[in-house]
Amino acid sequence: MKWGIDVSEHNQPLSWQSLKKQGASFVIVRLGWGKGHLDSRFYEQVNGVLAAGLELGIYYYSYALTEEEAAEEARFTAAVLKDCGLSKDRLPAGCWLDMEDADGYKEKRGIAGREEITALCRAFLLEMEKEGYPDGLYSSYSWLEEKIHLPSLPKDTPLWCAQWGSTCSQPGARLWQFTSTLPLDGQLVDGDIMW
């Protein structure tokens, strides 16, 4: 078991060396979101993580409303990774699809059913597999239980479960986001445990 954090442009700059000295093993960096939006701090954060000798992972926040849009998001993700020389073996903390609806975007546009959400996940994951970057799925425990039909995902899709508290209830999860309030370098960040 090892611990790490996940970050995006919303986080203030961090001392990656300090993070490593505190015992962290990995950092998962947001590559982007929606239709071709690159996180403004992606390259800076990736370079810092790699320079500190931490294990790197990436995630992509989906705003797709159709299976084709989900596949487009996956192609964009893979193109950015290829462009900066990040093959799957340089991503030991994984590639992840972030499937949630934190701002209500999907629900406001009528995408709330289990079948629809599962189809979007499947389209993204299958496209990433085609691109040579087998992906895992990040979502909240409630979404993994109620909004996503896990048996319909590609076989052996790794799961990253967000469930804040002292235990992870998702069987077989590879990663667990246990808090959004881990104090680090004067700010609160998402804390994760990897098995």
N, C-alpha and C. Protein backbone atom coordinates (compact mmCIF):
# COMPACT_ATOMS: atom_id res chain seq x y z
N MET A 1 0.84 -1.18 0.00
CA MET A 1 0.00 0.00 0.00
C MET A 1 0.89 1.25 0.00
N LYS A 2 0.53 2.25 -0.84
CA LYS A 2 1.26 3.50 -0.86
C LYS A 2 0.28 4.65 -1.01
N TRP A 3 0.74 5.85 -0.67
CA TRP A 3 -0.16 7.00 -0.74
C TRP A 3 0.38 8.06 -1.70
N GLY A 4 -0.55 8.88 -2.17
CA GLY A 4 -0.20 9.96 -3.07
C GLY A 4 -1.34 10.96 -3.13
N ILE A 5 -1.31 11.82 -4.14
CA ILE A 5 -2.33 12.85 -4.29
C ILE A 5 -2.73 12.95 -5.75
N ASP A 6 -3.87 13.63 -6.00
CA ASP A 6 -4.23 13.99 -7.37
C ASP A 6 -4.41 15.50 -7.42
N VAL A 7 -4.00 16.09 -8.54
CA VAL A 7 -3.95 17.55 -8.67
C VAL A 7 -4.46 18.01 -10.04
N SER A 8 -4.78 19.31 -10.08
CA SER A 8 -5.18 19.96 -11.33
C SER A 8 -4.74 21.42 -11.24
N GLU A 9 -5.16 22.22 -12.22
CA GLU A 9 -4.82 23.64 -12.23
C GLU A 9 -5.42 24.38 -11.04
N HIS A 10 -6.38 23.77 -10.37
CA HIS A 10 -7.01 24.41 -9.21
C HIS A 10 -6.11 24.38 -7.97
N ASN A 11 -5.08 23.55 -7.99
CA ASN A 11 -4.14 23.49 -6.87
C ASN A 11 -3.05 24.53 -7.03
N GLN A 12 -2.63 25.10 -5.92
CA GLN A 12 -1.48 26.01 -5.92
C GLN A 12 -0.21 25.19 -6.15
N PRO A 13 0.88 25.82 -6.58
CA PRO A 13 2.13 25.07 -6.77
C PRO A 13 2.53 24.33 -5.50
N LEU A 14 3.06 23.13 -5.69
CA LEU A 14 3.48 22.27 -4.59
C LEU A 14 4.97 21.98 -4.70
N SER A 15 5.59 21.69 -3.57
CA SER A 15 6.98 21.24 -3.58
C SER A 15 6.97 19.72 -3.75
N TRP A 16 7.26 19.26 -4.96
CA TRP A 16 7.21 17.82 -5.24
C TRP A 16 8.27 17.07 -4.44
N GLN A 17 9.44 17.68 -4.26
CA GLN A 17 10.49 17.05 -3.45
C GLN A 17 10.04 16.89 -2.00
N SER A 18 9.38 17.91 -1.48
CA SER A 18 8.86 17.86 -0.11
C SER A 18 7.81 16.76 0.01
N LEU A 19 6.97 16.64 -1.00
CA LEU A 19 5.95 15.60 -1.01
C LEU A 19 6.59 14.22 -0.94
N LYS A 20 7.65 14.04 -1.73
CA LYS A 20 8.34 12.75 -1.73
C LYS A 20 8.99 12.49 -0.37
N LYS A 21 9.59 13.52 0.23
CA LYS A 21 10.23 13.35 1.54
C LYS A 21 9.22 12.98 2.62
N GLN A 22 7.97 13.40 2.43
CA GLN A 22 6.91 13.08 3.40
C GLN A 22 6.38 11.66 3.21
N GLY A 23 6.88 10.96 2.19
CA GLY A 23 6.50 9.57 2.00
C GLY A 23 5.55 9.27 0.88
N ALA A 24 5.15 10.31 0.12
CA ALA A 24 4.26 10.07 -1.02
C ALA A 24 4.99 9.29 -2.10
N SER A 25 4.25 8.45 -2.81
CA SER A 25 4.83 7.65 -3.89
C SER A 25 4.39 8.09 -5.28
N PHE A 26 3.20 8.71 -5.38
CA PHE A 26 2.65 9.00 -6.70
C PHE A 26 1.83 10.28 -6.70
N VAL A 27 1.66 10.83 -7.92
CA VAL A 27 0.79 11.97 -8.15
C VAL A 27 0.02 11.70 -9.44
N ILE A 28 -1.29 11.93 -9.40
CA ILE A 28 -2.13 11.77 -10.59
C ILE A 28 -2.57 13.18 -11.00
N VAL A 29 -2.19 13.57 -12.22
CA VAL A 29 -2.36 14.93 -12.71
C VAL A 29 -3.51 14.98 -13.72
N ARG A 30 -4.38 16.00 -13.58
CA ARG A 30 -5.45 16.14 -14.57
C ARG A 30 -4.87 16.61 -15.89
N LEU A 31 -5.13 15.85 -16.94
CA LEU A 31 -4.69 16.23 -18.28
C LEU A 31 -5.63 17.29 -18.86
N GLY A 32 -6.92 17.13 -18.63
CA GLY A 32 -7.86 18.10 -19.19
C GLY A 32 -9.29 17.71 -18.90
N TRP A 33 -10.19 18.34 -19.66
CA TRP A 33 -11.61 18.09 -19.47
C TRP A 33 -12.36 18.45 -20.75
N GLY A 34 -13.53 17.82 -20.89
CA GLY A 34 -14.44 18.17 -21.98
C GLY A 34 -13.82 18.04 -23.35
N LYS A 35 -14.29 18.90 -24.25
CA LYS A 35 -13.89 18.80 -25.65
C LYS A 35 -12.58 19.53 -25.91
N GLY A 36 -11.47 18.83 -25.68
CA GLY A 36 -10.17 19.36 -26.04
C GLY A 36 -9.62 20.45 -25.14
N HIS A 37 -10.05 20.50 -23.88
CA HIS A 37 -9.51 21.49 -22.95
C HIS A 37 -8.33 20.90 -22.18
N LEU A 38 -7.15 21.43 -22.42
CA LEU A 38 -5.95 20.99 -21.71
C LEU A 38 -5.85 21.75 -20.39
N ASP A 39 -5.61 21.04 -19.31
CA ASP A 39 -5.40 21.68 -18.01
C ASP A 39 -4.21 22.63 -18.13
N SER A 40 -4.38 23.86 -17.69
CA SER A 40 -3.35 24.89 -17.90
C SER A 40 -2.04 24.60 -17.17
N ARG A 41 -2.06 23.70 -16.19
CA ARG A 41 -0.84 23.40 -15.44
C ARG A 41 -0.37 21.96 -15.68
N PHE A 42 -0.92 21.30 -16.68
CA PHE A 42 -0.59 19.90 -16.93
C PHE A 42 0.91 19.69 -17.11
N TYR A 43 1.53 20.40 -18.05
CA TYR A 43 2.94 20.17 -18.34
C TYR A 43 3.83 20.53 -17.14
N GLU A 44 3.52 21.63 -16.49
CA GLU A 44 4.28 22.05 -15.31
C GLU A 44 4.22 20.97 -14.22
N GLN A 45 3.00 20.48 -13.95
CA GLN A 45 2.85 19.48 -12.89
C GLN A 45 3.51 18.15 -13.28
N VAL A 46 3.33 17.73 -14.52
CA VAL A 46 3.96 16.48 -14.98
C VAL A 46 5.47 16.56 -14.86
N ASN A 47 6.05 17.65 -15.33
CA ASN A 47 7.50 17.81 -15.27
C ASN A 47 8.01 17.81 -13.83
N GLY A 48 7.28 18.47 -12.93
CA GLY A 48 7.67 18.50 -11.53
C GLY A 48 7.62 17.13 -10.88
N VAL A 49 6.56 16.40 -11.16
CA VAL A 49 6.39 15.05 -10.61
C VAL A 49 7.51 14.13 -11.08
N LEU A 50 7.79 14.17 -12.39
CA LEU A 50 8.84 13.31 -12.94
C LEU A 50 10.22 13.69 -12.41
N ALA A 51 10.49 15.00 -12.31
CA ALA A 51 11.79 15.45 -11.81
C ALA A 51 12.02 15.03 -10.36
N ALA A 52 10.94 14.93 -9.59
CA ALA A 52 11.06 14.53 -8.18
C ALA A 52 11.16 13.02 -8.02
N GLY A 53 10.99 12.28 -9.10
CA GLY A 53 11.07 10.82 -9.01
C GLY A 53 9.82 10.17 -8.44
N LEU A 54 8.69 10.87 -8.52
CA LEU A 54 7.42 10.30 -8.08
C LEU A 54 6.76 9.56 -9.23
N GLU A 55 5.96 8.55 -8.93
CA GLU A 55 5.21 7.84 -9.96
C GLU A 55 4.12 8.76 -10.49
N LEU A 56 3.93 8.75 -11.81
CA LEU A 56 2.98 9.64 -12.46
C LEU A 56 1.76 8.87 -12.94
N GLY A 57 0.62 9.52 -12.81
CA GLY A 57 -0.62 9.06 -13.43
C GLY A 57 -1.33 10.28 -13.98
N ILE A 58 -2.32 10.06 -14.85
CA ILE A 58 -3.11 11.18 -15.38
C ILE A 58 -4.59 10.82 -15.31
N TYR A 59 -5.43 11.88 -15.28
CA TYR A 59 -6.87 11.64 -15.39
C TYR A 59 -7.50 12.69 -16.30
N TYR A 60 -8.66 12.35 -16.85
CA TYR A 60 -9.38 13.24 -17.75
C TYR A 60 -10.83 13.33 -17.30
N TYR A 61 -11.30 14.56 -17.05
CA TYR A 61 -12.67 14.78 -16.59
C TYR A 61 -13.60 14.86 -17.80
N SER A 62 -14.54 13.93 -17.87
CA SER A 62 -15.42 13.84 -19.04
C SER A 62 -16.64 14.74 -18.93
N TYR A 63 -16.89 15.48 -20.01
CA TYR A 63 -18.14 16.22 -20.18
C TYR A 63 -18.93 15.65 -21.36
N ALA A 64 -18.56 14.48 -21.81
CA ALA A 64 -19.22 13.90 -22.99
C ALA A 64 -20.70 13.65 -22.73
N LEU A 65 -21.50 13.90 -23.76
CA LEU A 65 -22.94 13.63 -23.69
C LEU A 65 -23.34 12.51 -24.65
N THR A 66 -22.41 12.13 -25.55
CA THR A 66 -22.66 11.03 -26.47
C THR A 66 -21.44 10.11 -26.47
N GLU A 67 -21.62 8.92 -26.98
CA GLU A 67 -20.50 7.98 -27.05
C GLU A 67 -19.40 8.51 -27.97
N GLU A 68 -19.78 9.19 -29.07
CA GLU A 68 -18.77 9.75 -29.97
C GLU A 68 -17.97 10.85 -29.28
N GLU A 69 -18.65 11.68 -28.50
CA GLU A 69 -17.93 12.73 -27.74
C GLU A 69 -16.97 12.10 -26.74
N ALA A 70 -17.39 11.00 -26.11
CA ALA A 70 -16.51 10.31 -25.16
C ALA A 70 -15.27 9.77 -25.87
N ALA A 71 -15.49 9.19 -27.07
CA ALA A 71 -14.36 8.67 -27.85
C ALA A 71 -13.43 9.82 -28.28
N GLU A 72 -14.00 10.98 -28.62
CA GLU A 72 -13.19 12.16 -28.99
C GLU A 72 -12.33 12.60 -27.81
N GLU A 73 -12.92 12.61 -26.61
CA GLU A 73 -12.15 12.98 -25.42
C GLU A 73 -10.97 12.03 -25.23
N ALA A 74 -11.22 10.75 -25.46
CA ALA A 74 -10.15 9.75 -25.32
C ALA A 74 -9.06 9.97 -26.36
N ARG A 75 -9.44 10.26 -27.60
CA ARG A 75 -8.44 10.51 -28.64
C ARG A 75 -7.60 11.74 -28.31
N PHE A 76 -8.24 12.79 -27.78
CA PHE A 76 -7.50 13.98 -27.37
C PHE A 76 -6.51 13.63 -26.25
N THR A 77 -6.96 12.88 -25.26
CA THR A 77 -6.10 12.46 -24.15
C THR A 77 -4.88 11.71 -24.67
N ALA A 78 -5.12 10.73 -25.53
CA ALA A 78 -4.02 9.92 -26.07
C ALA A 78 -3.08 10.76 -26.91
N ALA A 79 -3.62 11.71 -27.69
CA ALA A 79 -2.78 12.56 -28.54
C ALA A 79 -1.84 13.42 -27.69
N VAL A 80 -2.34 13.96 -26.59
CA VAL A 80 -1.50 14.77 -25.70
C VAL A 80 -0.41 13.89 -25.09
N LEU A 81 -0.78 12.71 -24.62
CA LEU A 81 0.21 11.81 -24.01
C LEU A 81 1.30 11.43 -25.02
N LYS A 82 0.89 11.12 -26.23
CA LYS A 82 1.88 10.75 -27.27
C LYS A 82 2.77 11.94 -27.61
N ASP A 83 2.16 13.13 -27.70
CA ASP A 83 2.90 14.33 -28.06
C ASP A 83 4.00 14.64 -27.04
N CYS A 84 3.75 14.35 -25.77
CA CYS A 84 4.78 14.67 -24.76
C CYS A 84 5.57 13.43 -24.35
N GLY A 85 5.47 12.35 -25.13
CA GLY A 85 6.32 11.19 -24.91
C GLY A 85 5.98 10.36 -23.69
N LEU A 86 4.72 10.44 -23.26
CA LEU A 86 4.30 9.65 -22.09
C LEU A 86 3.63 8.36 -22.55
N SER A 87 4.44 7.34 -22.78
CA SER A 87 3.90 6.03 -23.10
C SER A 87 3.30 5.43 -21.83
N LYS A 88 2.52 4.37 -21.98
CA LYS A 88 1.84 3.80 -20.82
C LYS A 88 2.82 3.31 -19.75
N ASP A 89 4.02 2.89 -20.15
CA ASP A 89 4.99 2.42 -19.16
C ASP A 89 5.58 3.57 -18.33
N ARG A 90 5.39 4.83 -18.80
CA ARG A 90 5.84 6.00 -18.02
C ARG A 90 4.73 6.52 -17.11
N LEU A 91 3.63 5.78 -17.05
CA LEU A 91 2.47 6.19 -16.23
C LEU A 91 2.12 5.08 -15.23
N PRO A 92 3.03 4.78 -14.29
CA PRO A 92 2.79 3.67 -13.37
C PRO A 92 1.59 3.88 -12.44
N ALA A 93 1.17 5.15 -12.26
CA ALA A 93 -0.02 5.40 -11.43
C ALA A 93 -1.29 5.43 -12.29
N GLY A 94 -1.15 5.05 -13.56
CA GLY A 94 -2.31 4.82 -14.41
C GLY A 94 -2.85 6.01 -15.18
N CYS A 95 -3.74 5.67 -16.12
CA CYS A 95 -4.56 6.63 -16.86
C CYS A 95 -5.99 6.40 -16.37
N TRP A 96 -6.72 7.48 -16.15
CA TRP A 96 -8.04 7.36 -15.54
C TRP A 96 -9.06 8.26 -16.22
N LEU A 97 -10.24 7.72 -16.45
CA LEU A 97 -11.41 8.49 -16.85
C LEU A 97 -12.10 8.95 -15.57
N ASP A 98 -12.32 10.26 -15.45
CA ASP A 98 -13.03 10.82 -14.30
C ASP A 98 -14.49 11.00 -14.71
N MET A 99 -15.35 10.12 -14.19
CA MET A 99 -16.78 10.17 -14.53
C MET A 99 -17.58 10.56 -13.30
N GLU A 100 -18.05 11.80 -13.33
CA GLU A 100 -18.89 12.33 -12.27
C GLU A 100 -19.71 13.47 -12.86
N ASP A 101 -20.43 14.17 -12.03
CA ASP A 101 -21.23 15.30 -12.51
C ASP A 101 -21.24 16.37 -11.43
N ALA A 102 -20.05 16.81 -11.05
CA ALA A 102 -19.89 17.72 -9.91
C ALA A 102 -20.64 19.03 -10.09
N ASP A 103 -20.75 19.51 -11.33
CA ASP A 103 -21.42 20.79 -11.57
C ASP A 103 -22.81 20.62 -12.18
N GLY A 104 -23.31 19.39 -12.26
CA GLY A 104 -24.65 19.14 -12.78
C GLY A 104 -24.79 19.26 -14.29
N TYR A 105 -23.65 19.35 -15.00
CA TYR A 105 -23.67 19.53 -16.46
C TYR A 105 -24.44 18.41 -17.17
N LYS A 106 -24.13 17.18 -16.83
CA LYS A 106 -24.78 16.05 -17.50
C LYS A 106 -26.28 16.00 -17.19
N GLU A 107 -26.59 16.11 -15.91
CA GLU A 107 -28.00 16.01 -15.50
C GLU A 107 -28.85 17.11 -16.14
N LYS A 108 -28.32 18.34 -16.21
CA LYS A 108 -29.06 19.46 -16.82
C LYS A 108 -29.34 19.21 -18.30
N ARG A 109 -28.55 18.33 -18.91
CA ARG A 109 -28.72 18.01 -20.33
C ARG A 109 -29.35 16.64 -20.54
N GLY A 110 -29.94 16.10 -19.50
CA GLY A 110 -30.70 14.86 -19.60
C GLY A 110 -29.89 13.58 -19.57
N ILE A 111 -28.62 13.68 -19.18
CA ILE A 111 -27.78 12.48 -19.11
C ILE A 111 -27.63 12.10 -17.63
N ALA A 112 -28.52 11.23 -17.18
CA ALA A 112 -28.49 10.85 -15.76
C ALA A 112 -28.72 9.36 -15.55
N GLY A 113 -29.16 8.67 -16.59
CA GLY A 113 -29.48 7.25 -16.44
C GLY A 113 -28.25 6.36 -16.41
N ARG A 114 -28.41 5.23 -15.76
CA ARG A 114 -27.29 4.29 -15.61
C ARG A 114 -26.79 3.79 -16.96
N GLU A 115 -27.73 3.49 -17.85
CA GLU A 115 -27.34 2.96 -19.17
C GLU A 115 -26.53 4.00 -19.96
N GLU A 116 -26.98 5.27 -19.91
CA GLU A 116 -26.28 6.34 -20.64
C GLU A 116 -24.89 6.58 -20.06
N ILE A 117 -24.80 6.69 -18.75
CA ILE A 117 -23.51 6.95 -18.09
C ILE A 117 -22.54 5.80 -18.37
N THR A 118 -23.04 4.58 -18.28
CA THR A 118 -22.19 3.40 -18.53
C THR A 118 -21.69 3.40 -19.98
N ALA A 119 -22.57 3.76 -20.92
CA ALA A 119 -22.19 3.78 -22.34
C ALA A 119 -21.08 4.82 -22.59
N LEU A 120 -21.15 5.96 -21.92
CA LEU A 120 -20.11 6.99 -22.06
C LEU A 120 -18.77 6.48 -21.53
N CYS A 121 -18.81 5.84 -20.37
CA CYS A 121 -17.59 5.27 -19.79
C CYS A 121 -16.98 4.24 -20.74
N ARG A 122 -17.82 3.35 -21.21
CA ARG A 122 -17.36 2.27 -22.08
C ARG A 122 -16.71 2.82 -23.35
N ALA A 123 -17.35 3.83 -23.96
CA ALA A 123 -16.82 4.40 -25.21
C ALA A 123 -15.43 5.01 -24.97
N PHE A 124 -15.26 5.76 -23.89
CA PHE A 124 -13.97 6.37 -23.58
C PHE A 124 -12.92 5.30 -23.33
N LEU A 125 -13.25 4.33 -22.49
CA LEU A 125 -12.30 3.28 -22.11
C LEU A 125 -11.87 2.44 -23.31
N LEU A 126 -12.82 2.08 -24.17
CA LEU A 126 -12.48 1.28 -25.35
C LEU A 126 -11.59 2.06 -26.31
N GLU A 127 -11.86 3.36 -26.47
CA GLU A 127 -11.05 4.17 -27.37
C GLU A 127 -9.63 4.32 -26.83
N MET A 128 -9.50 4.51 -25.53
CA MET A 128 -8.16 4.60 -24.93
C MET A 128 -7.39 3.29 -25.11
N GLU A 129 -8.09 2.18 -24.98
CA GLU A 129 -7.45 0.87 -25.20
C GLU A 129 -6.92 0.78 -26.63
N LYS A 130 -7.74 1.23 -27.60
CA LYS A 130 -7.33 1.23 -29.01
C LYS A 130 -6.09 2.10 -29.23
N GLU A 131 -6.01 3.19 -28.48
CA GLU A 131 -4.90 4.14 -28.61
C GLU A 131 -3.64 3.66 -27.88
N GLY A 132 -3.75 2.53 -27.17
CA GLY A 132 -2.59 1.98 -26.47
C GLY A 132 -2.42 2.44 -25.04
N TYR A 133 -3.50 3.00 -24.48
CA TYR A 133 -3.47 3.48 -23.09
C TYR A 133 -4.65 2.89 -22.32
N PRO A 134 -4.56 1.62 -21.92
CA PRO A 134 -5.66 1.06 -21.15
C PRO A 134 -5.93 1.93 -19.93
N ASP A 135 -7.19 2.29 -19.76
CA ASP A 135 -7.59 3.24 -18.72
C ASP A 135 -8.34 2.55 -17.59
N GLY A 136 -8.33 3.22 -16.45
CA GLY A 136 -9.18 2.85 -15.34
C GLY A 136 -10.30 3.87 -15.22
N LEU A 137 -11.18 3.65 -14.26
CA LEU A 137 -12.34 4.53 -14.06
C LEU A 137 -12.33 5.10 -12.65
N TYR A 138 -12.37 6.43 -12.56
CA TYR A 138 -12.54 7.14 -11.29
C TYR A 138 -13.98 7.57 -11.15
N SER A 139 -14.57 7.31 -10.01
CA SER A 139 -15.90 7.83 -9.70
C SER A 139 -16.14 7.68 -8.21
N SER A 140 -17.21 8.30 -7.76
CA SER A 140 -17.57 8.16 -6.35
C SER A 140 -18.13 6.77 -6.10
N TYR A 141 -18.08 6.36 -4.85
CA TYR A 141 -18.62 5.05 -4.49
C TYR A 141 -20.10 4.95 -4.89
N SER A 142 -20.86 6.01 -4.65
CA SER A 142 -22.29 5.95 -4.98
C SER A 142 -22.50 5.80 -6.48
N TRP A 143 -21.68 6.47 -7.30
CA TRP A 143 -21.81 6.32 -8.75
C TRP A 143 -21.38 4.93 -9.20
N LEU A 144 -20.31 4.40 -8.61
CA LEU A 144 -19.87 3.05 -8.97
C LEU A 144 -20.92 2.01 -8.61
N GLU A 145 -21.71 2.30 -7.58
CA GLU A 145 -22.76 1.38 -7.16
C GLU A 145 -24.07 1.59 -7.93
N GLU A 146 -24.41 2.85 -8.21
CA GLU A 146 -25.76 3.16 -8.71
C GLU A 146 -25.82 3.68 -10.14
N LYS A 147 -24.79 4.37 -10.62
CA LYS A 147 -24.86 5.04 -11.92
C LYS A 147 -24.08 4.33 -13.02
N ILE A 148 -23.19 3.42 -12.64
CA ILE A 148 -22.35 2.75 -13.64
C ILE A 148 -22.50 1.24 -13.48
N HIS A 149 -22.84 0.57 -14.57
CA HIS A 149 -22.98 -0.88 -14.54
C HIS A 149 -21.60 -1.48 -14.82
N LEU A 150 -20.89 -1.78 -13.75
CA LEU A 150 -19.49 -2.20 -13.87
C LEU A 150 -19.28 -3.42 -14.77
N PRO A 151 -20.17 -4.44 -14.76
CA PRO A 151 -19.95 -5.58 -15.65
C PRO A 151 -19.98 -5.23 -17.14
N SER A 152 -20.53 -4.06 -17.50
CA SER A 152 -20.59 -3.65 -18.90
C SER A 152 -19.33 -2.92 -19.37
N LEU A 153 -18.41 -2.64 -18.43
CA LEU A 153 -17.16 -1.98 -18.81
C LEU A 153 -16.20 -3.02 -19.40
N PRO A 154 -15.16 -2.57 -20.11
CA PRO A 154 -14.17 -3.52 -20.61
C PRO A 154 -13.65 -4.39 -19.46
N LYS A 155 -13.38 -5.65 -19.78
CA LYS A 155 -12.95 -6.61 -18.76
C LYS A 155 -11.72 -6.11 -18.00
N ASP A 156 -11.74 -6.30 -16.68
CA ASP A 156 -10.63 -5.95 -15.79
C ASP A 156 -10.32 -4.45 -15.75
N THR A 157 -11.33 -3.60 -15.97
CA THR A 157 -11.12 -2.16 -15.84
C THR A 157 -10.78 -1.83 -14.39
N PRO A 158 -9.60 -1.23 -14.12
CA PRO A 158 -9.27 -0.84 -12.75
C PRO A 158 -10.22 0.25 -12.25
N LEU A 159 -10.49 0.26 -10.96
CA LEU A 159 -11.37 1.25 -10.36
C LEU A 159 -10.61 2.12 -9.37
N TRP A 160 -10.94 3.41 -9.39
CA TRP A 160 -10.43 4.39 -8.43
C TRP A 160 -11.67 4.98 -7.77
N CYS A 161 -11.86 4.65 -6.52
CA CYS A 161 -13.09 4.99 -5.80
C CYS A 161 -12.89 6.19 -4.90
N ALA A 162 -13.76 7.18 -5.07
CA ALA A 162 -13.78 8.33 -4.17
C ALA A 162 -14.81 8.05 -3.08
N GLN A 163 -14.33 7.89 -1.87
CA GLN A 163 -15.21 7.64 -0.72
C GLN A 163 -14.49 8.17 0.51
N TRP A 164 -14.85 9.37 0.89
CA TRP A 164 -14.14 10.02 1.98
C TRP A 164 -14.52 9.39 3.31
N GLY A 165 -13.50 9.03 4.07
CA GLY A 165 -13.72 8.39 5.36
C GLY A 165 -12.57 7.47 5.68
N SER A 166 -12.86 6.50 6.53
CA SER A 166 -11.78 5.63 7.04
C SER A 166 -11.69 4.29 6.31
N THR A 167 -12.65 3.97 5.44
CA THR A 167 -12.59 2.72 4.69
C THR A 167 -13.10 2.92 3.27
N CYS A 168 -12.66 2.03 2.39
CA CYS A 168 -13.15 2.01 1.01
C CYS A 168 -14.05 0.79 0.87
N SER A 169 -15.31 1.03 0.48
CA SER A 169 -16.28 -0.07 0.39
C SER A 169 -16.31 -0.74 -0.98
N GLN A 170 -15.58 -0.18 -1.95
CA GLN A 170 -15.62 -0.73 -3.31
C GLN A 170 -14.72 -1.95 -3.43
N PRO A 171 -15.29 -3.13 -3.65
CA PRO A 171 -14.45 -4.33 -3.76
C PRO A 171 -13.49 -4.22 -4.95
N GLY A 172 -12.25 -4.59 -4.71
CA GLY A 172 -11.27 -4.65 -5.78
C GLY A 172 -10.75 -3.34 -6.30
N ALA A 173 -11.08 -2.22 -5.63
CA ALA A 173 -10.57 -0.93 -6.09
C ALA A 173 -9.04 -0.93 -6.04
N ARG A 174 -8.43 -0.37 -7.08
CA ARG A 174 -6.96 -0.27 -7.10
C ARG A 174 -6.51 1.00 -6.39
N LEU A 175 -7.33 2.03 -6.47
CA LEU A 175 -7.04 3.32 -5.84
C LEU A 175 -8.25 3.77 -5.03
N TRP A 176 -7.96 4.50 -3.95
CA TRP A 176 -9.02 5.03 -3.10
C TRP A 176 -8.70 6.48 -2.77
N GLN A 177 -9.58 7.38 -3.19
CA GLN A 177 -9.47 8.78 -2.80
C GLN A 177 -10.21 8.92 -1.48
N PHE A 178 -9.46 9.10 -0.40
CA PHE A 178 -10.06 9.04 0.93
C PHE A 178 -10.38 10.40 1.52
N THR A 179 -9.87 11.48 0.91
CA THR A 179 -10.14 12.82 1.44
C THR A 179 -9.89 13.88 0.38
N SER A 180 -10.51 15.03 0.58
CA SER A 180 -10.19 16.21 -0.24
C SER A 180 -9.53 17.27 0.63
N THR A 181 -9.21 16.90 1.86
CA THR A 181 -8.67 17.88 2.81
C THR A 181 -7.35 17.43 3.44
N LEU A 182 -6.49 16.84 2.63
CA LEU A 182 -5.16 16.47 3.11
C LEU A 182 -4.29 17.73 3.14
N PRO A 183 -3.81 18.16 4.33
CA PRO A 183 -3.02 19.38 4.39
C PRO A 183 -1.61 19.17 3.83
N LEU A 184 -1.24 20.03 2.87
CA LEU A 184 0.06 19.88 2.23
C LEU A 184 0.51 21.24 1.70
N ASP A 185 1.68 21.68 2.08
CA ASP A 185 2.24 22.95 1.60
C ASP A 185 1.26 24.12 1.74
N GLY A 186 0.57 24.18 2.86
CA GLY A 186 -0.33 25.30 3.12
C GLY A 186 -1.65 25.27 2.38
N GLN A 187 -2.00 24.14 1.79
CA GLN A 187 -3.29 24.00 1.12
C GLN A 187 -3.86 22.62 1.37
N LEU A 188 -5.12 22.44 1.03
CA LEU A 188 -5.77 21.14 1.19
C LEU A 188 -5.87 20.48 -0.18
N VAL A 189 -5.46 19.21 -0.25
CA VAL A 189 -5.44 18.49 -1.53
C VAL A 189 -6.16 17.15 -1.37
N ASP A 190 -6.43 16.52 -2.51
CA ASP A 190 -7.03 15.18 -2.51
C ASP A 190 -5.97 14.15 -2.13
N GLY A 191 -6.28 13.32 -1.16
CA GLY A 191 -5.37 12.24 -0.75
C GLY A 191 -5.85 10.91 -1.27
N ASP A 192 -4.90 10.08 -1.72
CA ASP A 192 -5.22 8.78 -2.32
C ASP A 192 -4.35 7.68 -1.77
N ILE A 193 -4.90 6.48 -1.73
CA ILE A 193 -4.15 5.27 -1.36
C ILE A 193 -4.23 4.29 -2.53
N MET A 194 -3.09 3.69 -2.84
CA MET A 194 -3.03 2.70 -3.93
C MET A 194 -2.62 1.35 -3.35
N TRP A 195 -3.33 0.30 -3.79
CA TRP A 195 -2.99 -1.05 -3.39
C TRP A 195 -2.24 -1.76 -4.50
